[in-house]
PDB file of all heavy atoms in Angstrom:
ATOM      1  N   PHE A   1      -6.889 -22.565   3.759  1.00  0.00           N
ATOM      2  CA  PHE A   1      -5.476 -22.710   4.120  1.00  0.00           C
ATOM      3  C   PHE A   1      -5.327 -22.445   5.622  1.00  0.00           C
ATOM      4  O   PHE A   1      -5.881 -21.499   6.161  1.00  0.00           O
ATOM      5  CB  PHE A   1      -4.639 -21.718   3.322  1.00  0.00           C
ATOM      6  CG  PHE A   1      -3.150 -21.871   3.498  1.00  0.00           C
ATOM      7  CD1 PHE A   1      -2.459 -22.903   2.872  1.00  0.00           C
ATOM      8  CD2 PHE A   1      -2.438 -20.991   4.305  1.00  0.00           C
ATOM      9  CE1 PHE A   1      -1.088 -23.049   3.026  1.00  0.00           C
ATOM     10  CE2 PHE A   1      -1.071 -21.136   4.473  1.00  0.00           C
ATOM     11  CZ  PHE A   1      -0.396 -22.156   3.841  1.00  0.00           C
ATOM     12  N   PRO A   2      -4.529 -23.291   6.334  1.00  0.00           N
ATOM     13  CA  PRO A   2      -4.457 -23.190   7.786  1.00  0.00           C
ATOM     14  C   PRO A   2      -3.941 -21.832   8.293  1.00  0.00           C
ATOM     15  O   PRO A   2      -2.952 -21.311   7.778  1.00  0.00           O
ATOM     16  CB  PRO A   2      -3.487 -24.308   8.179  1.00  0.00           C
ATOM     17  CG  PRO A   2      -3.554 -25.267   7.043  1.00  0.00           C
ATOM     18  CD  PRO A   2      -3.771 -24.437   5.811  1.00  0.00           C
ATOM     19  N   LYS A   3      -4.605 -21.305   9.319  1.00  0.00           N
ATOM     20  CA  LYS A   3      -4.228 -20.000   9.856  1.00  0.00           C
ATOM     21  C   LYS A   3      -2.816 -19.997  10.431  1.00  0.00           C
ATOM     22  O   LYS A   3      -2.077 -19.016  10.282  1.00  0.00           O
ATOM     23  CB  LYS A   3      -5.215 -19.578  10.963  1.00  0.00           C
ATOM     24  CG  LYS A   3      -4.964 -18.181  11.511  1.00  0.00           C
ATOM     25  CD  LYS A   3      -5.850 -17.871  12.702  1.00  0.00           C
ATOM     26  CE  LYS A   3      -7.279 -17.696  12.324  1.00  0.00           C
ATOM     27  NZ  LYS A   3      -8.096 -17.186  13.467  1.00  0.00           N
ATOM     28  N   ASP A   4      -2.383 -21.100  11.067  1.00  0.00           N
ATOM     29  CA  ASP A   4      -1.052 -21.122  11.662  1.00  0.00           C
ATOM     30  C   ASP A   4       0.045 -21.032  10.600  1.00  0.00           C
ATOM     31  O   ASP A   4       1.066 -20.361  10.799  1.00  0.00           O
ATOM     32  CB  ASP A   4      -0.869 -22.357  12.549  1.00  0.00           C
ATOM     33  CG  ASP A   4      -0.989 -23.660  11.776  1.00  0.00           C
ATOM     34  OD1 ASP A   4      -1.751 -23.718  10.778  1.00  0.00           O
ATOM     35  OD2 ASP A   4      -0.328 -24.646  12.170  1.00  0.00           O
ATOM     36  N   LYS A   5      -0.171 -21.673   9.465  1.00  0.00           N
ATOM     37  CA  LYS A   5       0.828 -21.628   8.391  1.00  0.00           C
ATOM     38  C   LYS A   5       0.826 -20.269   7.679  1.00  0.00           C
ATOM     39  O   LYS A   5       1.861 -19.798   7.221  1.00  0.00           O
ATOM     40  CB  LYS A   5       0.603 -22.778   7.412  1.00  0.00           C
ATOM     41  CG  LYS A   5       0.889 -24.123   8.072  1.00  0.00           C
ATOM     42  CD  LYS A   5       0.496 -25.311   7.234  1.00  0.00           C
ATOM     43  CE  LYS A   5       0.730 -26.611   8.026  1.00  0.00           C
ATOM     44  NZ  LYS A   5       0.251 -27.789   7.311  1.00  0.00           N
ATOM     45  N   LEU A   6      -0.362 -19.666   7.610  1.00  0.00           N
ATOM     46  CA  LEU A   6      -0.441 -18.283   7.119  1.00  0.00           C
ATOM     47  C   LEU A   6       0.381 -17.357   8.009  1.00  0.00           C
ATOM     48  O   LEU A   6       1.201 -16.572   7.525  1.00  0.00           O
ATOM     49  CB  LEU A   6      -1.914 -17.846   7.087  1.00  0.00           C
ATOM     50  CG  LEU A   6      -2.189 -16.350   6.864  1.00  0.00           C
ATOM     51  CD1 LEU A   6      -1.695 -15.912   5.490  1.00  0.00           C
ATOM     52  CD2 LEU A   6      -3.680 -16.057   7.018  1.00  0.00           C
ATOM     53  N   ARG A   7       0.211 -17.488   9.322  1.00  0.00           N
ATOM     54  CA  ARG A   7       0.930 -16.616  10.257  1.00  0.00           C
ATOM     55  C   ARG A   7       2.441 -16.857  10.191  1.00  0.00           C
ATOM     56  O   ARG A   7       3.224 -15.906  10.191  1.00  0.00           O
ATOM     57  CB  ARG A   7       0.426 -16.880  11.675  1.00  0.00           C
ATOM     58  CG  ARG A   7      -0.931 -16.293  11.958  1.00  0.00           C
ATOM     59  CD  ARG A   7      -1.417 -16.677  13.335  1.00  0.00           C
ATOM     60  NE  ARG A   7      -2.618 -15.927  13.719  1.00  0.00           N
ATOM     61  CZ  ARG A   7      -3.357 -16.207  14.753  1.00  0.00           C
ATOM     62  NH1 ARG A   7      -3.047 -17.242  15.538  1.00  0.00           N
ATOM     63  NH2 ARG A   7      -4.417 -15.490  15.056  1.00  0.00           N
ATOM     64  N   GLN A   8       2.875 -18.127  10.133  1.00  0.00           N
ATOM     65  CA  GLN A   8       4.299 -18.421  10.058  1.00  0.00           C
ATOM     66  C   GLN A   8       4.922 -17.792   8.815  1.00  0.00           C
ATOM     67  O   GLN A   8       6.033 -17.234   8.870  1.00  0.00           O
ATOM     68  CB  GLN A   8       4.523 -19.933  10.038  1.00  0.00           C
ATOM     69  CG  GLN A   8       4.396 -20.620  11.381  1.00  0.00           C
ATOM     70  CD  GLN A   8       4.592 -22.117  11.242  1.00  0.00           C
ATOM     71  OE1 GLN A   8       3.647 -22.883  11.055  1.00  0.00           O
ATOM     72  NE2 GLN A   8       5.840 -22.546  11.319  1.00  0.00           N
ATOM     73  N   THR A   9       4.225 -17.903   7.714  1.00  0.00           N
ATOM     74  CA  THR A   9       4.764 -17.354   6.473  1.00  0.00           C
ATOM     75  C   THR A   9       4.809 -15.836   6.516  1.00  0.00           C
ATOM     76  O   THR A   9       5.799 -15.204   6.097  1.00  0.00           O
ATOM     77  CB  THR A   9       3.920 -17.819   5.267  1.00  0.00           C
ATOM     78  OG1 THR A   9       3.803 -19.243   5.285  1.00  0.00           O
ATOM     79  CG2 THR A   9       4.560 -17.396   3.961  1.00  0.00           C
ATOM     80  N   ILE A  10       3.759 -15.217   7.035  1.00  0.00           N
ATOM     81  CA  ILE A  10       3.743 -13.742   7.147  1.00  0.00           C
ATOM     82  C   ILE A  10       4.872 -13.263   8.045  1.00  0.00           C
ATOM     83  O   ILE A  10       5.562 -12.281   7.721  1.00  0.00           O
ATOM     84  CB  ILE A  10       2.391 -13.259   7.679  1.00  0.00           C
ATOM     85  CG1 ILE A  10       1.296 -13.479   6.627  1.00  0.00           C
ATOM     86  CG2 ILE A  10       2.448 -11.781   8.067  1.00  0.00           C
ATOM     87  CD1 ILE A  10      -0.110 -13.167   7.091  1.00  0.00           C
ATOM     88  N   LEU A  11       5.119 -13.936   9.160  1.00  0.00           N
ATOM     89  CA  LEU A  11       6.186 -13.517  10.068  1.00  0.00           C
ATOM     90  C   LEU A  11       7.548 -13.606   9.380  1.00  0.00           C
ATOM     91  O   LEU A  11       8.414 -12.740   9.571  1.00  0.00           O
ATOM     92  CB  LEU A  11       6.168 -14.381  11.332  1.00  0.00           C
ATOM     93  CG  LEU A  11       4.989 -14.114  12.287  1.00  0.00           C
ATOM     94  CD1 LEU A  11       4.966 -15.148  13.405  1.00  0.00           C
ATOM     95  CD2 LEU A  11       5.070 -12.703  12.862  1.00  0.00           C
ATOM     96  N   PHE A  12       7.747 -14.651   8.564  1.00  0.00           N
ATOM     97  CA  PHE A  12       9.006 -14.768   7.812  1.00  0.00           C
ATOM     98  C   PHE A  12       9.156 -13.604   6.829  1.00  0.00           C
ATOM     99  O   PHE A  12      10.235 -13.008   6.723  1.00  0.00           O
ATOM    100  CB  PHE A  12       9.044 -16.098   7.062  1.00  0.00           C
ATOM    101  CG  PHE A  12      10.304 -16.327   6.280  1.00  0.00           C
ATOM    102  CD1 PHE A  12      11.417 -16.905   6.859  1.00  0.00           C
ATOM    103  CD2 PHE A  12      10.395 -15.953   4.930  1.00  0.00           C
ATOM    104  CE1 PHE A  12      12.586 -17.115   6.151  1.00  0.00           C
ATOM    105  CE2 PHE A  12      11.550 -16.149   4.191  1.00  0.00           C
ATOM    106  CZ  PHE A  12      12.658 -16.734   4.816  1.00  0.00           C
ATOM    107  N   VAL A  13       8.077 -13.278   6.139  1.00  0.00           N
ATOM    108  CA  VAL A  13       8.130 -12.178   5.148  1.00  0.00           C
ATOM    109  C   VAL A  13       8.372 -10.844   5.868  1.00  0.00           C
ATOM    110  O   VAL A  13       9.192 -10.029   5.423  1.00  0.00           O
ATOM    111  CB  VAL A  13       6.831 -12.142   4.314  1.00  0.00           C
ATOM    112  CG1 VAL A  13       6.794 -10.888   3.443  1.00  0.00           C
ATOM    113  CG2 VAL A  13       6.738 -13.392   3.439  1.00  0.00           C
ATOM    114  N   LYS A  14       7.676 -10.610   6.969  1.00  0.00           N
ATOM    115  CA  LYS A  14       7.871  -9.355   7.702  1.00  0.00           C
ATOM    116  C   LYS A  14       9.310  -9.206   8.150  1.00  0.00           C
ATOM    117  O   LYS A  14       9.897  -8.133   8.067  1.00  0.00           O
ATOM    118  CB  LYS A  14       6.949  -9.325   8.920  1.00  0.00           C
ATOM    119  CG  LYS A  14       5.494  -9.022   8.605  1.00  0.00           C
ATOM    120  CD  LYS A  14       4.634  -9.081   9.861  1.00  0.00           C
ATOM    121  CE  LYS A  14       4.941  -7.974  10.832  1.00  0.00           C
ATOM    122  NZ  LYS A  14       3.982  -7.943  11.974  1.00  0.00           N
ATOM    123  N   GLU A  15       9.881 -10.285   8.671  1.00  0.00           N
ATOM    124  CA  GLU A  15      11.242 -10.225   9.204  1.00  0.00           C
ATOM    125  C   GLU A  15      12.277  -9.963   8.136  1.00  0.00           C
ATOM    126  O   GLU A  15      13.243  -9.227   8.353  1.00  0.00           O
ATOM    127  CB  GLU A  15      11.567 -11.529   9.923  1.00  0.00           C
ATOM    128  CG  GLU A  15      12.980 -11.589  10.502  1.00  0.00           C
ATOM    129  CD  GLU A  15      13.313 -12.885  11.175  1.00  0.00           C
ATOM    130  OE1 GLU A  15      12.409 -13.732  11.321  1.00  0.00           O
ATOM    131  OE2 GLU A  15      14.488 -13.077  11.542  1.00  0.00           O
ATOM    132  N   HIS A  16      12.082 -10.533   6.948  1.00  0.00           N
ATOM    133  CA  HIS A  16      13.123 -10.494   5.938  1.00  0.00           C
ATOM    134  C   HIS A  16      12.881  -9.477   4.820  1.00  0.00           C
ATOM    135  O   HIS A  16      13.850  -9.007   4.181  1.00  0.00           O
ATOM    136  CB  HIS A  16      13.297 -11.868   5.310  1.00  0.00           C
ATOM    137  CG  HIS A  16      13.839 -12.885   6.264  1.00  0.00           C
ATOM    138  ND1 HIS A  16      13.036 -13.669   7.062  1.00  0.00           N
ATOM    139  CD2 HIS A  16      15.120 -13.251   6.559  1.00  0.00           C
ATOM    140  CE1 HIS A  16      13.801 -14.468   7.804  1.00  0.00           C
ATOM    141  NE2 HIS A  16      15.070 -14.247   7.505  1.00  0.00           N
ATOM    142  N   TYR A  17      11.630  -9.097   4.565  1.00  0.00           N
ATOM    143  CA  TYR A  17      11.326  -8.268   3.392  1.00  0.00           C
ATOM    144  C   TYR A  17      10.736  -6.901   3.715  1.00  0.00           C
ATOM    145  O   TYR A  17      10.601  -6.079   2.806  1.00  0.00           O
ATOM    146  CB  TYR A  17      10.373  -9.030   2.442  1.00  0.00           C
ATOM    147  CG  TYR A  17      10.974 -10.275   1.872  1.00  0.00           C
ATOM    148  CD1 TYR A  17      10.856 -11.503   2.536  1.00  0.00           C
ATOM    149  CD2 TYR A  17      11.706 -10.261   0.688  1.00  0.00           C
ATOM    150  CE1 TYR A  17      11.430 -12.664   2.033  1.00  0.00           C
ATOM    151  CE2 TYR A  17      12.278 -11.408   0.176  1.00  0.00           C
ATOM    152  CZ  TYR A  17      12.132 -12.613   0.859  1.00  0.00           C
ATOM    153  OH  TYR A  17      12.694 -13.750   0.355  1.00  0.00           O
ATOM    154  N   GLY A  18      10.391  -6.670   4.975  1.00  0.00           N
ATOM    155  CA  GLY A  18       9.779  -5.382   5.286  1.00  0.00           C
ATOM    156  C   GLY A  18       8.389  -5.263   4.664  1.00  0.00           C
ATOM    157  O   GLY A  18       7.694  -6.256   4.482  1.00  0.00           O
ATOM    158  N   VAL A  19       8.003  -4.035   4.309  1.00  0.00           N
ATOM    159  CA  VAL A  19       6.645  -3.760   3.855  1.00  0.00           C
ATOM    160  C   VAL A  19       6.652  -2.990   2.546  1.00  0.00           C
ATOM    161  O   VAL A  19       7.468  -2.087   2.351  1.00  0.00           O
ATOM    162  CB  VAL A  19       5.888  -2.929   4.927  1.00  0.00           C
ATOM    163  CG1 VAL A  19       4.465  -2.645   4.474  1.00  0.00           C
ATOM    164  CG2 VAL A  19       5.884  -3.664   6.263  1.00  0.00           C
ATOM    165  N   MET A  20       5.763  -3.341   1.647  1.00  0.00           N
ATOM    166  CA  MET A  20       5.537  -2.578   0.417  1.00  0.00           C
ATOM    167  C   MET A  20       4.776  -1.289   0.762  1.00  0.00           C
ATOM    168  O   MET A  20       3.675  -1.343   1.316  1.00  0.00           O
ATOM    169  CB  MET A  20       4.707  -3.406  -0.564  1.00  0.00           C
ATOM    170  CG  MET A  20       4.119  -2.638  -1.741  1.00  0.00           C
ATOM    171  SD  MET A  20       5.370  -2.201  -2.967  1.00  0.00           S
ATOM    172  CE  MET A  20       4.337  -1.224  -4.089  1.00  0.00           C
ATOM    173  N   PRO A  21       5.344  -0.118   0.481  1.00  0.00           N
ATOM    174  CA  PRO A  21       4.679   1.138   0.835  1.00  0.00           C
ATOM    175  C   PRO A  21       3.634   1.544  -0.205  1.00  0.00           C
ATOM    176  O   PRO A  21       3.955   1.880  -1.328  1.00  0.00           O
ATOM    177  CB  PRO A  21       5.846   2.132   0.877  1.00  0.00           C
ATOM    178  CG  PRO A  21       6.840   1.587  -0.095  1.00  0.00           C
ATOM    179  CD  PRO A  21       6.702   0.094  -0.076  1.00  0.00           C
ATOM    180  N   PHE A  22       2.381   1.490   0.185  1.00  0.00           N
ATOM    181  CA  PHE A  22       1.302   2.041  -0.623  1.00  0.00           C
ATOM    182  C   PHE A  22       0.147   2.392   0.298  1.00  0.00           C
ATOM    183  O   PHE A  22       0.130   1.992   1.461  1.00  0.00           O
ATOM    184  CB  PHE A  22       0.855   1.055  -1.714  1.00  0.00           C
ATOM    185  CG  PHE A  22       0.217  -0.210  -1.199  1.00  0.00           C
ATOM    186  CD1 PHE A  22      -1.169  -0.324  -1.055  1.00  0.00           C
ATOM    187  CD2 PHE A  22       1.004  -1.296  -0.847  1.00  0.00           C
ATOM    188  CE1 PHE A  22      -1.749  -1.491  -0.578  1.00  0.00           C
ATOM    189  CE2 PHE A  22       0.414  -2.472  -0.362  1.00  0.00           C
ATOM    190  CZ  PHE A  22      -0.950  -2.562  -0.222  1.00  0.00           C
ATOM    191  N   ASN A  23      -0.804   3.174  -0.179  1.00  0.00           N
ATOM    192  CA  ASN A  23      -1.923   3.583   0.675  1.00  0.00           C
ATOM    193  C   ASN A  23      -3.238   3.270   0.001  1.00  0.00           C
ATOM    194  O   ASN A  23      -3.284   2.821  -1.147  1.00  0.00           O
ATOM    195  CB  ASN A  23      -1.811   5.067   1.035  1.00  0.00           C
ATOM    196  CG  ASN A  23      -1.778   5.943  -0.195  1.00  0.00           C
ATOM    197  OD1 ASN A  23      -2.674   5.862  -1.046  1.00  0.00           O
ATOM    198  ND2 ASN A  23      -0.738   6.770  -0.317  1.00  0.00           N
ATOM    199  N   CYS A  24      -4.334   3.512   0.721  1.00  0.00           N
ATOM    200  CA  CYS A  24      -5.640   3.109   0.233  1.00  0.00           C
ATOM    201  C   CYS A  24      -6.048   3.862  -1.018  1.00  0.00           C
ATOM    202  O   CYS A  24      -6.870   3.376  -1.798  1.00  0.00           O
ATOM    203  CB  CYS A  24      -6.691   3.278   1.332  1.00  0.00           C
ATOM    204  SG  CYS A  24      -6.903   4.991   1.882  1.00  0.00           S
ATOM    205  N   LYS A  25      -5.472   5.040  -1.234  1.00  0.00           N
ATOM    206  CA  LYS A  25      -5.775   5.783  -2.466  1.00  0.00           C
ATOM    207  C   LYS A  25      -5.217   5.095  -3.705  1.00  0.00           C
ATOM    208  O   LYS A  25      -5.618   5.422  -4.819  1.00  0.00           O
ATOM    209  CB  LYS A  25      -5.221   7.204  -2.354  1.00  0.00           C
ATOM    210  CG  LYS A  25      -5.878   8.048  -1.258  1.00  0.00           C
ATOM    211  CD  LYS A  25      -5.274   9.422  -1.185  1.00  0.00           C
ATOM    212  CE  LYS A  25      -5.927  10.255  -0.078  1.00  0.00           C
ATOM    213  NZ  LYS A  25      -5.324  11.611   0.021  1.00  0.00           N
ATOM    214  N   GLN A  26      -4.295   4.149  -3.496  1.00  0.00           N
ATOM    215  CA  GLN A  26      -3.700   3.429  -4.626  1.00  0.00           C
ATOM    216  C   GLN A  26      -4.330   2.058  -4.861  1.00  0.00           C
ATOM    217  O   GLN A  26      -3.905   1.341  -5.761  1.00  0.00           O
ATOM    218  CB  GLN A  26      -2.188   3.286  -4.385  1.00  0.00           C
ATOM    219  CG  GLN A  26      -1.459   4.634  -4.388  1.00  0.00           C
ATOM    220  CD  GLN A  26      -0.029   4.521  -3.890  1.00  0.00           C
ATOM    221  OE1 GLN A  26       0.225   4.059  -2.787  1.00  0.00           O
ATOM    222  NE2 GLN A  26       0.920   4.959  -4.718  1.00  0.00           N
ATOM    223  N   TYR A  27      -5.339   1.702  -4.059  1.00  0.00           N
ATOM    224  CA  TYR A  27      -6.014   0.417  -4.253  1.00  0.00           C
ATOM    225  C   TYR A  27      -6.567   0.306  -5.663  1.00  0.00           C
ATOM    226  O   TYR A  27      -6.461  -0.739  -6.313  1.00  0.00           O
ATOM    227  CB  TYR A  27      -7.153   0.269  -3.266  1.00  0.00           C
ATOM    228  CG  TYR A  27      -6.791  -0.090  -1.842  1.00  0.00           C
ATOM    229  CD1 TYR A  27      -5.488   0.035  -1.368  1.00  0.00           C
ATOM    230  CD2 TYR A  27      -7.771  -0.525  -0.958  1.00  0.00           C
ATOM    231  CE1 TYR A  27      -5.170  -0.275  -0.054  1.00  0.00           C
ATOM    232  CE2 TYR A  27      -7.467  -0.846   0.365  1.00  0.00           C
ATOM    233  CZ  TYR A  27      -6.152  -0.720   0.807  1.00  0.00           C
ATOM    234  OH  TYR A  27      -5.846  -1.038   2.111  1.00  0.00           O
ATOM    235  N   GLU A  28      -7.198   1.357  -6.139  1.00  0.00           N
ATOM    236  CA  GLU A  28      -7.828   1.316  -7.459  1.00  0.00           C
ATOM    237  C   GLU A  28      -6.789   1.071  -8.549  1.00  0.00           C
ATOM    238  O   GLU A  28      -7.030   0.279  -9.481  1.00  0.00           O
ATOM    239  CB  GLU A  28      -8.543   2.640  -7.730  1.00  0.00           C
ATOM    240  CG  GLU A  28      -9.477   2.628  -8.940  1.00  0.00           C
ATOM    241  CD  GLU A  28     -10.732   1.807  -8.685  1.00  0.00           C
ATOM    242  OE1 GLU A  28     -11.324   1.909  -7.604  1.00  0.00           O
ATOM    243  OE2 GLU A  28     -11.131   1.060  -9.632  1.00  0.00           O
ATOM    244  N   ARG A  29      -5.634   1.682  -8.420  1.00  0.00           N
ATOM    245  CA  ARG A  29      -4.581   1.493  -9.420  1.00  0.00           C
ATOM    246  C   ARG A  29      -4.041   0.066  -9.367  1.00  0.00           C
ATOM    247  O   ARG A  29      -3.815  -0.553 -10.399  1.00  0.00           O
ATOM    248  CB  ARG A  29      -3.450   2.505  -9.184  1.00  0.00           C
ATOM    249  CG  ARG A  29      -2.457   2.582 -10.341  1.00  0.00           C
ATOM    250  CD  ARG A  29      -3.107   3.061 -11.598  1.00  0.00           C
ATOM    251  NE  ARG A  29      -2.182   3.134 -12.709  1.00  0.00           N
ATOM    252  CZ  ARG A  29      -2.489   2.715 -13.942  1.00  0.00           C
ATOM    253  NH1 ARG A  29      -3.670   2.189 -14.200  1.00  0.00           N
ATOM    254  NH2 ARG A  29      -1.604   2.822 -14.913  1.00  0.00           N
ATOM    255  N   LEU A  30      -3.856  -0.472  -8.166  1.00  0.00           N
ATOM    256  CA  LEU A  30      -3.416  -1.858  -8.041  1.00  0.00           C
ATOM    257  C   LEU A  30      -4.442  -2.808  -8.652  1.00  0.00           C
ATOM    258  O   LEU A  30      -4.068  -3.768  -9.334  1.00  0.00           O
ATOM    259  CB  LEU A  30      -3.200  -2.205  -6.566  1.00  0.00           C
ATOM    260  CG  LEU A  30      -1.937  -1.625  -5.913  1.00  0.00           C
ATOM    261  CD1 LEU A  30      -2.009  -1.768  -4.395  1.00  0.00           C
ATOM    262  CD2 LEU A  30      -0.688  -2.304  -6.454  1.00  0.00           C
ATOM    263  N   TYR A  31      -5.699  -2.522  -8.443  1.00  0.00           N
ATOM    264  CA  TYR A  31      -6.772  -3.350  -9.033  1.00  0.00           C
ATOM    265  C   TYR A  31      -6.685  -3.302 -10.560  1.00  0.00           C
ATOM    266  O   TYR A  31      -6.830  -4.339 -11.235  1.00  0.00           O
ATOM    267  CB  TYR A  31      -8.124  -2.849  -8.543  1.00  0.00           C
ATOM    268  CG  TYR A  31      -9.304  -3.584  -9.157  1.00  0.00           C
ATOM    269  CD1 TYR A  31      -9.589  -4.892  -8.796  1.00  0.00           C
ATOM    270  CD2 TYR A  31     -10.132  -2.957 -10.076  1.00  0.00           C
ATOM    271  CE1 TYR A  31     -10.668  -5.564  -9.344  1.00  0.00           C
ATOM    272  CE2 TYR A  31     -11.208  -3.611 -10.638  1.00  0.00           C
ATOM    273  CZ  TYR A  31     -11.484  -4.921 -10.257  1.00  0.00           C
ATOM    274  OH  TYR A  31     -12.542  -5.579 -10.826  1.00  0.00           O
ATOM    275  N   GLU A  32      -6.441  -2.118 -11.120  1.00  0.00           N
ATOM    276  CA  GLU A  32      -6.317  -2.003 -12.572  1.00  0.00           C
ATOM    277  C   GLU A  32      -5.143  -2.809 -13.094  1.00  0.00           C
ATOM    278  O   GLU A  32      -5.236  -3.452 -14.137  1.00  0.00           O
ATOM    279  CB  GLU A  32      -6.167  -0.521 -12.971  1.00  0.00           C
ATOM    280  CG  GLU A  32      -7.433   0.292 -12.819  1.00  0.00           C
ATOM    281  CD  GLU A  32      -8.581  -0.262 -13.660  1.00  0.00           C
ATOM    282  OE1 GLU A  32      -8.359  -0.559 -14.845  1.00  0.00           O
ATOM    283  OE2 GLU A  32      -9.704  -0.393 -13.125  1.00  0.00           O
ATOM    284  N   PHE A  33      -4.032  -2.783 -12.376  1.00  0.00           N
ATOM    285  CA  PHE A  33      -2.884  -3.584 -12.796  1.00  0.00           C
ATOM    286  C   PHE A  33      -3.222  -5.067 -12.745  1.00  0.00           C
ATOM    287  O   PHE A  33      -2.835  -5.833 -13.633  1.00  0.00           O
ATOM    288  CB  PHE A  33      -1.673  -3.293 -11.909  1.00  0.00           C
ATOM    289  CG  PHE A  33      -0.966  -2.005 -12.225  1.00  0.00           C
ATOM    290  CD1 PHE A  33      -0.703  -1.082 -11.237  1.00  0.00           C
ATOM    291  CD2 PHE A  33      -0.532  -1.738 -13.512  1.00  0.00           C
ATOM    292  CE1 PHE A  33      -0.034   0.109 -11.506  1.00  0.00           C
ATOM    293  CE2 PHE A  33       0.129  -0.540 -13.813  1.00  0.00           C
ATOM    294  CZ  PHE A  33       0.378   0.372 -12.801  1.00  0.00           C
ATOM    295  N   MET A  34      -3.940  -5.527 -11.720  1.00  0.00           N
ATOM    296  CA  MET A  34      -4.325  -6.922 -11.634  1.00  0.00           C
ATOM    297  C   MET A  34      -5.233  -7.319 -12.800  1.00  0.00           C
ATOM    298  O   MET A  34      -5.166  -8.450 -13.296  1.00  0.00           O
ATOM    299  CB  MET A  34      -5.024  -7.205 -10.295  1.00  0.00           C
ATOM    300  CG  MET A  34      -4.092  -7.169  -9.094  1.00  0.00           C
ATOM    301  SD  MET A  34      -4.959  -7.517  -7.535  1.00  0.00           S
ATOM    302  CE  MET A  34      -4.107  -6.407  -6.432  1.00  0.00           C
ATOM    303  N   LYS A  35      -6.065  -6.400 -13.232  1.00  0.00           N
ATOM    304  CA  LYS A  35      -6.960  -6.681 -14.358  1.00  0.00           C
ATOM    305  C   LYS A  35      -6.197  -6.950 -15.659  1.00  0.00           C
ATOM    306  O   LYS A  35      -6.695  -7.616 -16.559  1.00  0.00           O
ATOM    307  CB  LYS A  35      -7.938  -5.527 -14.565  1.00  0.00           C
ATOM    308  CG  LYS A  35      -9.067  -5.464 -13.551  1.00  0.00           C
ATOM    309  CD  LYS A  35      -9.858  -4.185 -13.649  1.00  0.00           C
ATOM    310  CE  LYS A  35     -10.535  -4.039 -15.008  1.00  0.00           C
ATOM    311  NZ  LYS A  35     -11.378  -2.809 -15.069  1.00  0.00           N
ATOM    312  N   HIS A  36      -4.968  -6.445 -15.749  1.00  0.00           N
ATOM    313  CA  HIS A  36      -4.146  -6.650 -16.951  1.00  0.00           C
ATOM    314  C   HIS A  36      -3.261  -7.890 -16.871  1.00  0.00           C
ATOM    315  O   HIS A  36      -2.485  -8.155 -17.772  1.00  0.00           O
ATOM    316  CB  HIS A  36      -3.264  -5.419 -17.205  1.00  0.00           C
ATOM    317  CG  HIS A  36      -4.006  -4.257 -17.770  1.00  0.00           C
ATOM    318  ND1 HIS A  36      -4.613  -3.294 -16.990  1.00  0.00           N
ATOM    319  CD2 HIS A  36      -4.248  -3.898 -19.066  1.00  0.00           C
ATOM    320  CE1 HIS A  36      -5.194  -2.404 -17.771  1.00  0.00           C
ATOM    321  NE2 HIS A  36      -4.992  -2.743 -19.018  1.00  0.00           N
ATOM    322  N   ASP A  37      -3.369  -8.632 -15.767  1.00  0.00           N
ATOM    323  CA  ASP A  37      -2.515  -9.804 -15.604  1.00  0.00           C
ATOM    324  C   ASP A  37      -2.788 -10.832 -16.711  1.00  0.00           C
ATOM    325  O   ASP A  37      -3.942 -11.067 -17.086  1.00  0.00           O
ATOM    326  CB  ASP A  37      -2.755 -10.440 -14.233  1.00  0.00           C
ATOM    327  CG  ASP A  37      -1.690 -11.435 -13.860  1.00  0.00           C
ATOM    328  OD1 ASP A  37      -1.809 -12.605 -14.237  1.00  0.00           O
ATOM    329  OD2 ASP A  37      -0.728 -11.036 -13.194  1.00  0.00           O
ATOM    330  N   LYS A  38      -1.714 -11.452 -17.194  1.00  0.00           N
ATOM    331  CA  LYS A  38      -1.845 -12.382 -18.342  1.00  0.00           C
ATOM    332  C   LYS A  38      -2.640 -13.657 -17.989  1.00  0.00           C
ATOM    333  O   LYS A  38      -3.088 -14.346 -18.892  1.00  0.00           O
ATOM    334  CB  LYS A  38      -0.439 -12.781 -18.830  1.00  0.00           C
ATOM    335  CG  LYS A  38       0.366 -11.603 -19.389  1.00  0.00           C
ATOM    336  CD  LYS A  38       1.714 -12.042 -19.902  1.00  0.00           C
ATOM    337  CE  LYS A  38       2.635 -12.483 -18.790  1.00  0.00           C
ATOM    338  NZ  LYS A  38       2.922 -11.430 -17.810  1.00  0.00           N
ATOM    339  N   LYS A  39      -2.787 -13.965 -16.707  1.00  0.00           N
ATOM    340  CA  LYS A  39      -3.491 -15.190 -16.321  1.00  0.00           C
ATOM    341  C   LYS A  39      -4.994 -15.024 -16.357  1.00  0.00           C
ATOM    342  O   LYS A  39      -5.731 -15.991 -16.185  1.00  0.00           O
ATOM    343  CB  LYS A  39      -3.060 -15.594 -14.910  1.00  0.00           C
ATOM    344  CG  LYS A  39      -1.579 -15.889 -14.771  1.00  0.00           C
ATOM    345  CD  LYS A  39      -1.213 -16.294 -13.368  1.00  0.00           C
ATOM    346  CE  LYS A  39      -1.310 -15.142 -12.387  1.00  0.00           C
ATOM    347  NZ  LYS A  39      -0.414 -14.029 -12.697  1.00  0.00           N
ATOM    348  N   ASN A  40      -5.463 -13.810 -16.560  1.00  0.00           N
ATOM    349  CA  ASN A  40      -6.901 -13.562 -16.545  1.00  0.00           C
ATOM    350  C   ASN A  40      -7.576 -14.101 -17.793  1.00  0.00           C
ATOM    351  O   ASN A  40      -6.949 -14.279 -18.839  1.00  0.00           O
ATOM    352  CB  ASN A  40      -7.181 -12.062 -16.420  1.00  0.00           C
ATOM    353  CG  ASN A  40      -6.643 -11.467 -15.130  1.00  0.00           C
ATOM    354  OD1 ASN A  40      -6.399 -12.196 -14.178  1.00  0.00           O
ATOM    355  ND2 ASN A  40      -6.446 -10.173 -15.112  1.00  0.00           N
ATOM    356  N   SER A  41      -8.876 -14.299 -17.684  1.00  0.00           N
ATOM    357  CA  SER A  41      -9.683 -14.669 -18.850  1.00  0.00           C
ATOM    358  C   SER A  41     -11.044 -14.001 -18.736  1.00  0.00           C
ATOM    359  O   SER A  41     -11.646 -13.972 -17.659  1.00  0.00           O
ATOM    360  CB  SER A  41      -9.845 -16.194 -18.955  1.00  0.00           C
ATOM    361  OG  SER A  41     -10.483 -16.697 -17.812  1.00  0.00           O
TER     362      SER A  41
END
């Protein structure tokens, strides 16, 4: 996916949505939640 379009989209999200607050100690928990996603097989 083109880097310029990635950057444009990120800038839009930063400007309008701010940031999700989490830290590196929560990576494992986020990974566990992703493992339960219904799209997985």
